[in-house]
Amino acid sequence: MESKFDLLTQTNGFGLVSKVDIKKVLKCFKSKNNYQIEYLVDEECEKMDAYTLINKEDLKEVIHNIISNAVMHGFIKGRNNNIIRIRLSYDKEENMHVIQISNNGKPMPKGMDTKRFGIKGEIAGDTGNDGIGGYRVKSIVEHFKGSYSVENDPDSLFPVQITIKLPKID
């Protein structure tokens, strides 16, 4: 079993880049017993291909880490109606596909923001795990020339939203 030190000091590489259909990758993620996944695709994005240059397994890891963080840190055991909302859109000005993943669980701890989310070993409150998931999201997205942001609005029905932007290719 790896120690926390091992997890924090190891370097995880990236897979080989290829042309990946974001829509197909997002559809790999299914609802589970303790949460429902809602997919939303903006009308403009529905009419276009959603290709980017990334490693398919790395993109799956990004989405998996965000969903896992919601389940582990946001959803209270025994509560029904846990929802993870995945929205795909297109930002024409930036020529980027935009993946917004939000959940209706508890907000992130105060002070958790885009910078802290991406720090290797950063742990979020009482439910913190190893601090690697957010770091891998940041590392993978930035390696493949994308960006990410974290929004935490405790007053919202969906208080936590992670936004990933990846370059559009034809």
N, C-alpha and C. Protein backbone atom coordinates (compact mmCIF):
# COMPACT_ATOMS: atom_id res chain seq x y z
N MET A 1 0.84 -1.18 0.00
CA MET A 1 0.00 0.00 0.00
C MET A 1 0.89 1.25 0.00
N GLU A 2 0.53 2.22 -0.82
CA GLU A 2 1.33 3.43 -0.93
C GLU A 2 1.06 4.35 0.25
N SER A 3 2.11 4.98 0.72
CA SER A 3 1.95 5.96 1.79
C SER A 3 1.54 7.29 1.17
N LYS A 4 1.08 8.20 2.03
CA LYS A 4 0.73 9.54 1.55
C LYS A 4 1.95 10.21 0.93
N PHE A 5 3.14 10.00 1.51
CA PHE A 5 4.36 10.58 0.95
C PHE A 5 4.59 10.06 -0.47
N ASP A 6 4.39 8.75 -0.69
CA ASP A 6 4.57 8.18 -2.01
C ASP A 6 3.60 8.81 -3.01
N LEU A 7 2.36 8.97 -2.61
CA LEU A 7 1.37 9.57 -3.51
C LEU A 7 1.74 11.00 -3.87
N LEU A 8 2.28 11.74 -2.92
CA LEU A 8 2.61 13.14 -3.16
C LEU A 8 3.89 13.32 -3.96
N THR A 9 4.78 12.37 -3.92
CA THR A 9 6.07 12.53 -4.59
C THR A 9 6.14 11.83 -5.94
N GLN A 10 5.22 10.93 -6.23
CA GLN A 10 5.28 10.27 -7.53
C GLN A 10 4.84 11.22 -8.63
N THR A 11 5.33 10.99 -9.82
CA THR A 11 4.91 11.80 -10.95
C THR A 11 4.08 10.92 -11.87
N ASN A 12 2.93 11.41 -12.22
CA ASN A 12 2.07 10.69 -13.14
C ASN A 12 2.19 11.34 -14.51
N GLY A 13 2.47 10.54 -15.50
CA GLY A 13 2.61 11.06 -16.85
C GLY A 13 1.26 11.23 -17.51
N PHE A 14 1.34 11.40 -18.80
CA PHE A 14 0.15 11.61 -19.60
C PHE A 14 0.18 10.63 -20.76
N GLY A 15 -0.98 10.24 -21.23
CA GLY A 15 -1.05 9.33 -22.36
C GLY A 15 -0.77 10.06 -23.66
N LEU A 16 -0.69 9.28 -24.72
CA LEU A 16 -0.45 9.84 -26.05
C LEU A 16 -1.67 10.62 -26.52
N VAL A 17 -1.41 11.74 -27.14
CA VAL A 17 -2.48 12.60 -27.62
C VAL A 17 -3.13 11.99 -28.87
N SER A 18 -4.44 12.15 -28.94
CA SER A 18 -5.19 11.74 -30.12
C SER A 18 -6.44 12.61 -30.23
N LYS A 19 -7.11 12.48 -31.34
CA LYS A 19 -8.37 13.21 -31.55
C LYS A 19 -9.47 12.46 -30.80
N VAL A 20 -10.10 13.14 -29.85
CA VAL A 20 -11.08 12.50 -28.96
C VAL A 20 -12.42 13.24 -29.07
N ASP A 21 -13.49 12.46 -29.15
CA ASP A 21 -14.85 12.98 -29.16
C ASP A 21 -15.31 13.16 -27.71
N ILE A 22 -15.40 14.38 -27.27
CA ILE A 22 -15.77 14.68 -25.88
C ILE A 22 -17.15 14.12 -25.54
N LYS A 23 -18.09 14.23 -26.47
CA LYS A 23 -19.44 13.73 -26.21
C LYS A 23 -19.43 12.24 -25.88
N LYS A 24 -18.66 11.47 -26.62
CA LYS A 24 -18.60 10.02 -26.37
C LYS A 24 -17.98 9.72 -25.00
N VAL A 25 -16.94 10.46 -24.65
CA VAL A 25 -16.31 10.25 -23.35
C VAL A 25 -17.29 10.56 -22.22
N LEU A 26 -18.00 11.68 -22.33
CA LEU A 26 -18.94 12.06 -21.27
C LEU A 26 -20.05 11.03 -21.09
N LYS A 27 -20.46 10.41 -22.19
CA LYS A 27 -21.54 9.41 -22.11
C LYS A 27 -21.11 8.11 -21.45
N CYS A 28 -19.80 7.94 -21.23
CA CYS A 28 -19.30 6.75 -20.53
C CYS A 28 -19.69 6.76 -19.05
N PHE A 29 -19.98 7.94 -18.53
CA PHE A 29 -20.26 8.07 -17.10
C PHE A 29 -21.76 7.93 -16.86
N LYS A 30 -22.09 6.99 -15.98
CA LYS A 30 -23.49 6.63 -15.72
C LYS A 30 -23.88 6.93 -14.28
N SER A 31 -25.17 7.09 -14.08
CA SER A 31 -25.71 7.28 -12.74
C SER A 31 -25.43 6.04 -11.89
N LYS A 32 -25.31 6.24 -10.60
CA LYS A 32 -25.09 5.14 -9.64
C LYS A 32 -26.22 5.16 -8.62
N ASN A 33 -26.17 4.22 -7.68
CA ASN A 33 -27.22 4.13 -6.66
C ASN A 33 -27.35 5.40 -5.84
N ASN A 34 -26.22 6.07 -5.56
CA ASN A 34 -26.26 7.22 -4.66
C ASN A 34 -26.23 8.57 -5.37
N TYR A 35 -26.25 8.58 -6.70
CA TYR A 35 -26.35 9.85 -7.42
C TYR A 35 -26.85 9.64 -8.85
N GLN A 36 -27.43 10.68 -9.37
CA GLN A 36 -27.96 10.71 -10.73
C GLN A 36 -27.09 11.65 -11.56
N ILE A 37 -26.78 11.27 -12.78
CA ILE A 37 -26.05 12.17 -13.68
C ILE A 37 -27.03 12.73 -14.70
N GLU A 38 -27.03 14.05 -14.82
CA GLU A 38 -27.82 14.74 -15.84
C GLU A 38 -26.87 15.27 -16.90
N TYR A 39 -27.17 14.99 -18.16
CA TYR A 39 -26.36 15.50 -19.27
C TYR A 39 -27.11 16.62 -19.97
N LEU A 40 -26.44 17.71 -20.19
CA LEU A 40 -27.00 18.82 -20.94
C LEU A 40 -25.99 19.20 -22.02
N VAL A 41 -26.47 19.33 -23.24
CA VAL A 41 -25.61 19.79 -24.33
C VAL A 41 -26.30 21.00 -24.94
N ASP A 42 -25.58 22.13 -24.97
CA ASP A 42 -26.14 23.34 -25.54
C ASP A 42 -26.52 23.12 -27.00
N GLU A 43 -27.53 23.84 -27.46
CA GLU A 43 -28.05 23.66 -28.80
C GLU A 43 -26.96 23.81 -29.87
N GLU A 44 -26.14 24.84 -29.76
CA GLU A 44 -25.08 25.06 -30.74
C GLU A 44 -24.09 23.90 -30.74
N CYS A 45 -23.76 23.42 -29.57
CA CYS A 45 -22.80 22.32 -29.43
C CYS A 45 -23.40 21.00 -29.93
N GLU A 46 -24.70 20.85 -29.79
CA GLU A 46 -25.39 19.64 -30.25
C GLU A 46 -25.22 19.46 -31.76
N LYS A 47 -25.15 20.55 -32.48
CA LYS A 47 -25.08 20.52 -33.94
C LYS A 47 -23.66 20.32 -34.47
N MET A 48 -22.67 20.35 -33.60
CA MET A 48 -21.28 20.26 -34.06
C MET A 48 -20.58 19.05 -33.46
N ASP A 49 -19.46 18.70 -34.08
CA ASP A 49 -18.60 17.68 -33.49
C ASP A 49 -17.88 18.31 -32.30
N ALA A 50 -17.59 17.50 -31.31
CA ALA A 50 -16.91 18.02 -30.11
C ALA A 50 -15.57 17.31 -29.96
N TYR A 51 -14.67 17.59 -30.89
CA TYR A 51 -13.35 16.95 -30.86
C TYR A 51 -12.32 17.87 -30.23
N THR A 52 -11.39 17.23 -29.52
CA THR A 52 -10.24 17.93 -28.96
C THR A 52 -9.05 16.99 -29.04
N LEU A 53 -7.85 17.54 -28.86
CA LEU A 53 -6.64 16.72 -28.83
C LEU A 53 -6.27 16.47 -27.37
N ILE A 54 -6.40 15.23 -26.95
CA ILE A 54 -6.13 14.83 -25.58
C ILE A 54 -5.97 13.31 -25.58
N ASN A 55 -5.51 12.76 -24.53
CA ASN A 55 -5.53 11.31 -24.38
C ASN A 55 -6.89 10.93 -23.79
N LYS A 56 -7.58 10.00 -24.41
CA LYS A 56 -8.93 9.62 -23.99
C LYS A 56 -8.97 9.17 -22.53
N GLU A 57 -8.00 8.35 -22.12
CA GLU A 57 -7.98 7.86 -20.74
C GLU A 57 -7.70 9.00 -19.75
N ASP A 58 -6.88 9.96 -20.15
CA ASP A 58 -6.63 11.12 -19.30
C ASP A 58 -7.89 11.96 -19.13
N LEU A 59 -8.66 12.15 -20.21
CA LEU A 59 -9.91 12.89 -20.09
C LEU A 59 -10.89 12.15 -19.18
N LYS A 60 -10.95 10.83 -19.31
CA LYS A 60 -11.81 10.05 -18.41
C LYS A 60 -11.37 10.22 -16.96
N GLU A 61 -10.06 10.26 -16.73
CA GLU A 61 -9.55 10.46 -15.37
C GLU A 61 -10.00 11.81 -14.81
N VAL A 62 -9.95 12.85 -15.64
CA VAL A 62 -10.39 14.18 -15.20
C VAL A 62 -11.84 14.14 -14.75
N ILE A 63 -12.71 13.60 -15.60
CA ILE A 63 -14.14 13.55 -15.28
C ILE A 63 -14.38 12.67 -14.05
N HIS A 64 -13.72 11.51 -14.02
CA HIS A 64 -13.86 10.60 -12.88
C HIS A 64 -13.44 11.28 -11.57
N ASN A 65 -12.32 12.00 -11.58
CA ASN A 65 -11.86 12.66 -10.36
C ASN A 65 -12.86 13.71 -9.87
N ILE A 66 -13.44 14.46 -10.80
CA ILE A 66 -14.41 15.49 -10.41
C ILE A 66 -15.67 14.84 -9.83
N ILE A 67 -16.16 13.78 -10.48
CA ILE A 67 -17.34 13.08 -9.96
C ILE A 67 -17.02 12.44 -8.61
N SER A 68 -15.88 11.81 -8.49
CA SER A 68 -15.49 11.17 -7.23
C SER A 68 -15.41 12.19 -6.09
N ASN A 69 -14.86 13.37 -6.39
CA ASN A 69 -14.79 14.42 -5.37
C ASN A 69 -16.18 14.83 -4.91
N ALA A 70 -17.12 14.93 -5.86
CA ALA A 70 -18.50 15.30 -5.49
C ALA A 70 -19.10 14.24 -4.58
N VAL A 71 -18.92 12.98 -4.95
CA VAL A 71 -19.50 11.89 -4.16
C VAL A 71 -18.86 11.83 -2.78
N MET A 72 -17.54 11.91 -2.72
CA MET A 72 -16.82 11.77 -1.45
C MET A 72 -17.00 12.98 -0.52
N HIS A 73 -16.95 14.17 -1.08
CA HIS A 73 -16.94 15.37 -0.26
C HIS A 73 -18.27 16.11 -0.20
N GLY A 74 -19.10 15.95 -1.23
CA GLY A 74 -20.32 16.75 -1.30
C GLY A 74 -21.59 16.05 -0.89
N PHE A 75 -21.67 14.77 -1.13
CA PHE A 75 -22.93 14.07 -0.89
C PHE A 75 -22.95 13.44 0.49
N ILE A 76 -23.98 13.78 1.23
CA ILE A 76 -24.16 13.29 2.59
C ILE A 76 -24.76 11.89 2.53
N LYS A 77 -24.16 10.96 3.28
CA LYS A 77 -24.66 9.58 3.28
C LYS A 77 -26.11 9.54 3.73
N GLY A 78 -26.90 8.73 3.04
CA GLY A 78 -28.30 8.57 3.38
C GLY A 78 -29.22 9.57 2.71
N ARG A 79 -28.64 10.58 2.08
CA ARG A 79 -29.46 11.59 1.40
C ARG A 79 -29.80 11.12 0.00
N ASN A 80 -31.03 11.33 -0.42
CA ASN A 80 -31.46 11.01 -1.78
C ASN A 80 -31.34 12.26 -2.63
N ASN A 81 -31.60 12.13 -3.90
CA ASN A 81 -31.63 13.25 -4.84
C ASN A 81 -30.27 13.91 -5.05
N ASN A 82 -29.18 13.14 -4.94
CA ASN A 82 -27.86 13.68 -5.27
C ASN A 82 -27.74 13.73 -6.79
N ILE A 83 -27.36 14.90 -7.30
CA ILE A 83 -27.30 15.10 -8.75
C ILE A 83 -25.94 15.66 -9.14
N ILE A 84 -25.38 15.06 -10.18
CA ILE A 84 -24.19 15.61 -10.83
C ILE A 84 -24.65 16.03 -12.22
N ARG A 85 -24.46 17.29 -12.53
CA ARG A 85 -24.90 17.85 -13.81
C ARG A 85 -23.66 18.10 -14.67
N ILE A 86 -23.66 17.49 -15.86
CA ILE A 86 -22.57 17.68 -16.80
C ILE A 86 -23.13 18.42 -18.01
N ARG A 87 -22.57 19.58 -18.26
CA ARG A 87 -23.05 20.42 -19.36
C ARG A 87 -21.91 20.66 -20.34
N LEU A 88 -22.17 20.43 -21.61
CA LEU A 88 -21.19 20.66 -22.66
C LEU A 88 -21.66 21.82 -23.51
N SER A 89 -20.77 22.78 -23.72
CA SER A 89 -21.09 23.93 -24.56
C SER A 89 -19.84 24.30 -25.37
N TYR A 90 -19.98 25.34 -26.16
CA TYR A 90 -18.88 25.78 -27.00
C TYR A 90 -18.72 27.28 -26.85
N ASP A 91 -17.50 27.72 -26.59
CA ASP A 91 -17.17 29.14 -26.49
C ASP A 91 -16.54 29.55 -27.81
N LYS A 92 -17.33 30.23 -28.63
CA LYS A 92 -16.90 30.60 -29.97
C LYS A 92 -15.72 31.58 -29.94
N GLU A 93 -15.74 32.54 -29.02
CA GLU A 93 -14.66 33.54 -28.94
C GLU A 93 -13.31 32.90 -28.63
N GLU A 94 -13.30 31.91 -27.75
CA GLU A 94 -12.05 31.25 -27.37
C GLU A 94 -11.77 30.00 -28.19
N ASN A 95 -12.75 29.56 -29.00
CA ASN A 95 -12.67 28.32 -29.77
C ASN A 95 -12.37 27.13 -28.84
N MET A 96 -13.13 27.07 -27.77
CA MET A 96 -12.94 26.04 -26.74
C MET A 96 -14.26 25.32 -26.47
N HIS A 97 -14.15 24.00 -26.26
CA HIS A 97 -15.28 23.24 -25.73
C HIS A 97 -15.27 23.47 -24.21
N VAL A 98 -16.46 23.62 -23.64
CA VAL A 98 -16.59 23.91 -22.22
C VAL A 98 -17.39 22.79 -21.56
N ILE A 99 -16.77 22.14 -20.59
CA ILE A 99 -17.43 21.09 -19.81
C ILE A 99 -17.62 21.65 -18.40
N GLN A 100 -18.87 21.80 -17.99
CA GLN A 100 -19.17 22.27 -16.64
C GLN A 100 -19.76 21.09 -15.86
N ILE A 101 -19.12 20.77 -14.76
CA ILE A 101 -19.61 19.67 -13.91
C ILE A 101 -19.97 20.28 -12.56
N SER A 102 -21.25 20.20 -12.22
CA SER A 102 -21.72 20.78 -10.96
C SER A 102 -22.46 19.71 -10.18
N ASN A 103 -22.61 19.96 -8.89
CA ASN A 103 -23.37 19.01 -8.06
C ASN A 103 -24.18 19.76 -7.03
N ASN A 104 -25.22 19.08 -6.54
CA ASN A 104 -26.13 19.70 -5.57
C ASN A 104 -25.81 19.25 -4.14
N GLY A 105 -24.58 18.87 -3.90
CA GLY A 105 -24.16 18.47 -2.56
C GLY A 105 -23.75 19.66 -1.73
N LYS A 106 -22.96 19.37 -0.69
CA LYS A 106 -22.46 20.43 0.19
C LYS A 106 -21.47 21.29 -0.58
N PRO A 107 -21.39 22.58 -0.25
CA PRO A 107 -20.36 23.42 -0.86
C PRO A 107 -18.97 22.98 -0.41
N MET A 108 -17.97 23.42 -1.14
CA MET A 108 -16.59 23.14 -0.73
C MET A 108 -16.28 23.95 0.53
N PRO A 109 -15.29 23.52 1.28
CA PRO A 109 -14.89 24.30 2.46
C PRO A 109 -14.50 25.72 2.06
N LYS A 110 -14.73 26.64 2.95
CA LYS A 110 -14.38 28.04 2.71
C LYS A 110 -12.90 28.14 2.33
N GLY A 111 -12.63 28.92 1.30
CA GLY A 111 -11.26 29.12 0.85
C GLY A 111 -10.81 28.18 -0.25
N MET A 112 -11.59 27.12 -0.51
CA MET A 112 -11.23 26.21 -1.60
C MET A 112 -11.58 26.91 -2.91
N ASP A 113 -10.57 27.16 -3.71
CA ASP A 113 -10.76 27.86 -4.96
C ASP A 113 -9.97 27.17 -6.06
N THR A 114 -9.90 27.78 -7.24
CA THR A 114 -9.22 27.18 -8.38
C THR A 114 -7.77 26.86 -8.05
N LYS A 115 -7.08 27.77 -7.41
CA LYS A 115 -5.66 27.55 -7.11
C LYS A 115 -5.48 26.40 -6.11
N ARG A 116 -6.22 26.43 -5.01
CA ARG A 116 -6.08 25.38 -3.99
C ARG A 116 -6.51 24.02 -4.49
N PHE A 117 -7.55 23.98 -5.35
CA PHE A 117 -8.04 22.72 -5.90
C PHE A 117 -6.94 21.99 -6.67
N GLY A 118 -6.08 22.74 -7.33
CA GLY A 118 -5.04 22.14 -8.17
C GLY A 118 -3.71 21.89 -7.49
N ILE A 119 -3.61 22.18 -6.20
CA ILE A 119 -2.35 21.96 -5.48
C ILE A 119 -2.23 20.50 -5.09
N LYS A 120 -1.10 19.91 -5.41
CA LYS A 120 -0.86 18.50 -5.08
C LYS A 120 -0.82 18.36 -3.55
N GLY A 121 -1.67 17.47 -3.03
CA GLY A 121 -1.72 17.23 -1.59
C GLY A 121 -2.72 18.10 -0.85
N GLU A 122 -3.40 19.02 -1.54
CA GLU A 122 -4.39 19.88 -0.87
C GLU A 122 -5.59 19.04 -0.48
N ILE A 123 -5.98 19.13 0.78
CA ILE A 123 -7.07 18.32 1.31
C ILE A 123 -8.22 19.23 1.71
N ALA A 124 -9.44 18.82 1.33
CA ALA A 124 -10.62 19.64 1.54
C ALA A 124 -11.39 19.22 2.79
N GLY A 125 -11.21 19.93 3.87
CA GLY A 125 -12.01 19.73 5.07
C GLY A 125 -11.90 18.35 5.68
N ASP A 126 -12.95 17.98 6.42
CA ASP A 126 -12.99 16.73 7.17
C ASP A 126 -12.99 15.50 6.27
N THR A 127 -13.48 15.63 5.04
CA THR A 127 -13.60 14.48 4.16
C THR A 127 -12.42 14.36 3.21
N GLY A 128 -11.40 15.17 3.40
CA GLY A 128 -10.24 15.16 2.51
C GLY A 128 -9.63 13.78 2.38
N ASN A 129 -9.20 13.46 1.19
CA ASN A 129 -8.61 12.15 0.93
C ASN A 129 -7.10 12.30 0.80
N ASP A 130 -6.54 12.13 -0.39
CA ASP A 130 -5.09 12.22 -0.54
C ASP A 130 -4.62 13.50 -1.23
N GLY A 131 -5.54 14.32 -1.71
CA GLY A 131 -5.16 15.58 -2.33
C GLY A 131 -4.56 15.43 -3.71
N ILE A 132 -4.83 14.31 -4.38
CA ILE A 132 -4.26 14.07 -5.70
C ILE A 132 -5.28 14.34 -6.82
N GLY A 133 -6.57 14.11 -6.57
CA GLY A 133 -7.60 14.23 -7.61
C GLY A 133 -7.64 15.58 -8.28
N GLY A 134 -7.72 16.65 -7.50
CA GLY A 134 -7.75 17.99 -8.06
C GLY A 134 -6.46 18.35 -8.78
N TYR A 135 -5.36 17.90 -8.20
CA TYR A 135 -4.05 18.13 -8.83
C TYR A 135 -3.98 17.47 -10.21
N ARG A 136 -4.50 16.24 -10.32
CA ARG A 136 -4.49 15.57 -11.62
C ARG A 136 -5.41 16.25 -12.62
N VAL A 137 -6.55 16.77 -12.16
CA VAL A 137 -7.43 17.53 -13.04
C VAL A 137 -6.65 18.70 -13.63
N LYS A 138 -6.02 19.47 -12.77
CA LYS A 138 -5.24 20.63 -13.22
C LYS A 138 -4.13 20.22 -14.17
N SER A 139 -3.35 19.21 -13.78
CA SER A 139 -2.20 18.78 -14.57
C SER A 139 -2.60 18.30 -15.96
N ILE A 140 -3.60 17.47 -16.02
CA ILE A 140 -4.02 16.91 -17.31
C ILE A 140 -4.58 18.01 -18.20
N VAL A 141 -5.50 18.80 -17.68
CA VAL A 141 -6.15 19.83 -18.49
C VAL A 141 -5.11 20.82 -19.02
N GLU A 142 -4.22 21.27 -18.17
CA GLU A 142 -3.22 22.24 -18.61
C GLU A 142 -2.21 21.61 -19.57
N HIS A 143 -1.85 20.34 -19.36
CA HIS A 143 -0.92 19.66 -20.26
C HIS A 143 -1.47 19.63 -21.69
N PHE A 144 -2.78 19.46 -21.82
CA PHE A 144 -3.39 19.39 -23.14
C PHE A 144 -3.95 20.75 -23.59
N LYS A 145 -3.36 21.82 -23.09
CA LYS A 145 -3.62 23.21 -23.52
C LYS A 145 -5.02 23.72 -23.21
N GLY A 146 -5.58 23.19 -22.12
CA GLY A 146 -6.88 23.64 -21.67
C GLY A 146 -6.76 24.44 -20.39
N SER A 147 -7.89 24.74 -19.80
CA SER A 147 -7.91 25.46 -18.52
C SER A 147 -9.05 24.92 -17.67
N TYR A 148 -9.00 25.23 -16.39
CA TYR A 148 -10.06 24.80 -15.49
C TYR A 148 -10.32 25.91 -14.48
N SER A 149 -11.50 25.91 -13.90
CA SER A 149 -11.81 26.84 -12.82
C SER A 149 -12.78 26.15 -11.86
N VAL A 150 -12.79 26.65 -10.64
CA VAL A 150 -13.64 26.12 -9.58
C VAL A 150 -14.50 27.26 -9.06
N GLU A 151 -15.80 27.01 -9.01
CA GLU A 151 -16.73 27.98 -8.44
C GLU A 151 -17.42 27.33 -7.26
N ASN A 152 -17.51 28.06 -6.18
CA ASN A 152 -18.12 27.56 -4.96
C ASN A 152 -19.11 28.62 -4.47
N ASP A 153 -20.40 28.36 -4.66
CA ASP A 153 -21.45 29.31 -4.28
C ASP A 153 -22.39 28.62 -3.30
N PRO A 154 -22.13 28.75 -1.99
CA PRO A 154 -22.94 28.04 -0.98
C PRO A 154 -24.44 28.32 -1.05
N ASP A 155 -24.85 29.43 -1.66
CA ASP A 155 -26.27 29.78 -1.74
C ASP A 155 -26.98 29.19 -2.95
N SER A 156 -26.24 28.54 -3.83
CA SER A 156 -26.81 27.99 -5.05
C SER A 156 -27.34 26.57 -4.82
N LEU A 157 -28.33 26.16 -5.61
CA LEU A 157 -28.85 24.79 -5.57
C LEU A 157 -27.74 23.81 -5.97
N PHE A 158 -26.86 24.23 -6.87
CA PHE A 158 -25.69 23.45 -7.28
C PHE A 158 -24.46 24.27 -6.88
N PRO A 159 -24.03 24.15 -5.62
CA PRO A 159 -23.02 25.07 -5.09
C PRO A 159 -21.61 24.89 -5.63
N VAL A 160 -21.28 23.70 -6.13
CA VAL A 160 -19.92 23.45 -6.62
C VAL A 160 -19.97 23.23 -8.12
N GLN A 161 -19.13 23.99 -8.83
CA GLN A 161 -19.03 23.81 -10.28
C GLN A 161 -17.57 23.85 -10.69
N ILE A 162 -17.16 22.83 -11.41
CA ILE A 162 -15.83 22.77 -11.99
C ILE A 162 -16.01 22.95 -13.49
N THR A 163 -15.30 23.89 -14.07
CA THR A 163 -15.38 24.16 -15.50
C THR A 163 -14.05 23.80 -16.15
N ILE A 164 -14.14 23.00 -17.19
CA ILE A 164 -12.97 22.57 -17.97
C ILE A 164 -13.14 23.14 -19.37
N LYS A 165 -12.09 23.76 -19.89
CA LYS A 165 -12.11 24.24 -21.28
C LYS A 165 -11.00 23.53 -22.04
N LEU A 166 -11.38 22.96 -23.18
CA LEU A 166 -10.42 22.24 -24.03
C LEU A 166 -10.51 22.77 -25.45
N PRO A 167 -9.38 22.90 -26.14
CA PRO A 167 -9.39 23.46 -27.49
C PRO A 167 -10.23 22.61 -28.46
N LYS A 168 -10.99 23.30 -29.30
CA LYS A 168 -11.78 22.64 -30.34
C LYS A 168 -10.87 22.39 -31.54
N ILE A 169 -11.01 21.20 -32.10
CA ILE A 169 -10.35 20.90 -33.37
C ILE A 169 -11.39 20.37 -34.33
N ASP A 170 -11.08 20.43 -35.60
CA ASP A 170 -12.01 19.92 -36.63
C ASP A 170 -11.70 18.49 -36.99
